[in-house]
């Protein structure tokens, strides 16, 4: 069996293929679980952030063009986008 590791080249598997695939699958499943848990926790926190904003403010009419001191991201922000936005001191410093 030949495998490829992105940016690292191709490799020939030299051990039992079934055991090799089983080991890969076990770690792969753990990665998926971690990312799913992380994504759920991220979206829960995004909901909390926006709930605080909604509960402590009143919506202005759409034609209002007041300057904004803070810009909060949308509810449907992806985890990947969140990593780009929420770093260092976050968005509220």
C-alpha atoms as a PDB file:
ATOM      1  CA  UNK A   1       0.000   0.000   0.000  1.00  0.00           C
ATOM      2  CA  UNK A   2       1.264   3.449  -0.936  1.00  0.00           C
ATOM      3  CA  UNK A   3       0.237   6.534   1.019  1.00  0.00           C
ATOM      4  CA  UNK A   4       0.966  10.196   0.474  1.00  0.00           C
ATOM      5  CA  UNK A   5       1.561  12.761   3.192  1.00  0.00           C
ATOM      6  CA  UNK A   6       0.845  16.247   1.888  1.00  0.00           C
ATOM      7  CA  UNK A   7       4.057  18.264   1.509  1.00  0.00           C
ATOM      8  CA  UNK A   8       6.081  15.226   2.656  1.00  0.00           C
ATOM      9  CA  UNK A   9       5.928  12.761  -0.250  1.00  0.00           C
ATOM     10  CA  UNK A  10       4.847   9.155  -0.750  1.00  0.00           C
ATOM     11  CA  UNK A  11       5.469   6.197   1.545  1.00  0.00           C
ATOM     12  CA  UNK A  12       5.109   2.420   1.190  1.00  0.00           C
ATOM     13  CA  UNK A  13       3.409   0.861   4.216  1.00  0.00           C
ATOM     14  CA  UNK A  14       5.757  -1.814   5.592  1.00  0.00           C
ATOM     15  CA  UNK A  15       3.529  -3.260   8.346  1.00  0.00           C
ATOM     16  CA  UNK A  16       0.244  -5.170   8.356  1.00  0.00           C
ATOM     17  CA  UNK A  17      -2.150  -3.021   6.313  1.00  0.00           C
ATOM     18  CA  UNK A  18      -5.233  -3.845   8.394  1.00  0.00           C
ATOM     19  CA  UNK A  19      -3.455  -2.915  11.638  1.00  0.00           C
ATOM     20  CA  UNK A  20      -2.038   0.223  10.027  1.00  0.00           C
ATOM     21  CA  UNK A  21      -5.489   1.325   8.817  1.00  0.00           C
ATOM     22  CA  UNK A  22      -7.026   0.505  12.192  1.00  0.00           C
ATOM     23  CA  UNK A  23      -4.459   2.688  13.986  1.00  0.00           C
ATOM     24  CA  UNK A  24      -4.995   5.534  11.509  1.00  0.00           C
ATOM     25  CA  UNK A  25      -8.768   5.217  11.855  1.00  0.00           C
ATOM     26  CA  UNK A  26      -8.602   5.337  15.665  1.00  0.00           C
ATOM     27  CA  UNK A  27      -6.613   8.579  15.678  1.00  0.00           C
ATOM     28  CA  UNK A  28      -8.701  10.004  12.821  1.00  0.00           C
ATOM     29  CA  UNK A  29     -11.886   9.374  14.827  1.00  0.00           C
ATOM     30  CA  UNK A  30     -10.372  11.139  17.853  1.00  0.00           C
ATOM     31  CA  UNK A  31      -9.479  14.158  15.692  1.00  0.00           C
ATOM     32  CA  UNK A  32     -13.038  14.315  14.315  1.00  0.00           C
ATOM     33  CA  UNK A  33     -14.499  14.135  17.849  1.00  0.00           C
ATOM     34  CA  UNK A  34     -12.164  16.883  19.063  1.00  0.00           C
ATOM     35  CA  UNK A  35     -13.047  19.177  16.161  1.00  0.00           C
ATOM     36  CA  UNK A  36     -16.785  18.542  16.562  1.00  0.00           C
ATOM     37  CA  UNK A  37     -16.586  19.289  20.287  1.00  0.00           C
ATOM     38  CA  UNK A  38     -14.498  22.391  19.631  1.00  0.00           C
ATOM     39  CA  UNK A  39     -16.935  23.567  16.957  1.00  0.00           C
ATOM     40  CA  UNK A  40     -19.955  23.098  19.238  1.00  0.00           C
ATOM     41  CA  UNK A  41     -18.255  24.924  22.120  1.00  0.00           C
ATOM     42  CA  UNK A  42     -17.246  27.740  19.746  1.00  0.00           C
ATOM     43  CA  UNK A  43     -20.812  28.179  18.465  1.00  0.00           C
ATOM     44  CA  UNK A  44     -22.170  28.095  22.035  1.00  0.00           C
ATOM     45  CA  UNK A  45     -19.781  30.910  22.993  1.00  0.00           C
ATOM     46  CA  UNK A  46     -20.682  32.885  19.864  1.00  0.00           C
ATOM     47  CA  UNK A  47     -24.345  32.614  20.882  1.00  0.00           C
ATOM     48  CA  UNK A  48     -23.488  33.890  24.369  1.00  0.00           C
ATOM     49  CA  UNK A  49     -21.509  36.803  22.921  1.00  0.00           C
ATOM     50  CA  UNK A  50     -24.347  37.875  20.639  1.00  0.00           C
ATOM     51  CA  UNK A  51     -27.001  37.299  23.332  1.00  0.00           C
ATOM     52  CA  UNK A  52     -25.130  39.731  25.593  1.00  0.00           C
ATOM     53  CA  UNK A  53     -25.028  42.267  22.754  1.00  0.00           C
ATOM     54  CA  UNK A  54     -28.749  41.862  21.976  1.00  0.00           C
ATOM     55  CA  UNK A  55     -29.853  42.008  25.634  1.00  0.00           C
ATOM     56  CA  UNK A  56     -27.864  45.156  26.325  1.00  0.00           C
ATOM     57  CA  UNK A  57     -28.670  47.191  23.233  1.00  0.00           C
ATOM     58  CA  UNK A  58     -31.483  48.333  20.967  1.00  0.00           C
ATOM     59  CA  UNK A  59     -31.460  47.902  17.228  1.00  0.00           C
ATOM     60  CA  UNK A  60     -31.092  51.076  15.190  1.00  0.00           C
ATOM     61  CA  UNK A  61     -33.069  51.574  11.978  1.00  0.00           C
ATOM     62  CA  UNK A  62     -31.385  50.203   8.831  1.00  0.00           C
ATOM     63  CA  UNK A  63     -30.886  53.720   7.424  1.00  0.00           C
ATOM     64  CA  UNK A  64     -28.810  54.748  10.464  1.00  0.00           C
ATOM     65  CA  UNK A  65     -25.129  55.275   9.643  1.00  0.00           C
ATOM     66  CA  UNK A  66     -23.659  55.838  13.108  1.00  0.00           C
ATOM     67  CA  UNK A  67     -19.955  54.962  13.538  1.00  0.00           C
ATOM     68  CA  UNK A  68     -19.438  51.650  15.361  1.00  0.00           C
ATOM     69  CA  UNK A  69     -16.928  51.334  18.192  1.00  0.00           C
ATOM     70  CA  UNK A  70     -16.989  47.530  17.972  1.00  0.00           C
ATOM     71  CA  UNK A  71     -17.936  45.148  15.192  1.00  0.00           C
ATOM     72  CA  UNK A  72     -19.066  41.719  16.353  1.00  0.00           C
ATOM     73  CA  UNK A  73     -18.946  38.789  13.930  1.00  0.00           C
ATOM     74  CA  UNK A  74     -22.126  37.067  12.692  1.00  0.00           C
ATOM     75  CA  UNK A  75     -23.690  34.025  14.385  1.00  0.00           C
ATOM     76  CA  UNK A  76     -22.721  31.751  11.482  1.00  0.00           C
ATOM     77  CA  UNK A  77     -18.993  32.486  11.810  1.00  0.00           C
ATOM     78  CA  UNK A  78     -16.991  29.319  11.158  1.00  0.00           C
ATOM     79  CA  UNK A  79     -14.408  28.015  13.608  1.00  0.00           C
ATOM     80  CA  UNK A  80     -11.712  28.703  10.997  1.00  0.00           C
ATOM     81  CA  UNK A  81     -12.841  32.324  10.689  1.00  0.00           C
ATOM     82  CA  UNK A  82     -12.993  32.519  14.465  1.00  0.00           C
ATOM     83  CA  UNK A  83      -9.342  31.509  14.725  1.00  0.00           C
ATOM     84  CA  UNK A  84      -8.497  34.448  12.462  1.00  0.00           C
ATOM     85  CA  UNK A  85     -10.594  36.990  14.388  1.00  0.00           C
ATOM     86  CA  UNK A  86     -10.334  35.932  18.047  1.00  0.00           C
ATOM     87  CA  UNK A  87      -6.621  35.998  18.727  1.00  0.00           C
ATOM     88  CA  UNK A  88      -4.358  37.967  20.986  1.00  0.00           C
ATOM     89  CA  UNK A  89      -6.677  40.063  23.140  1.00  0.00           C
ATOM     90  CA  UNK A  90      -9.778  39.161  21.125  1.00  0.00           C
ATOM     91  CA  UNK A  91     -12.137  41.687  19.570  1.00  0.00           C
ATOM     92  CA  UNK A  92     -13.003  43.581  22.761  1.00  0.00           C
ATOM     93  CA  UNK A  93      -9.741  44.893  24.189  1.00  0.00           C
END
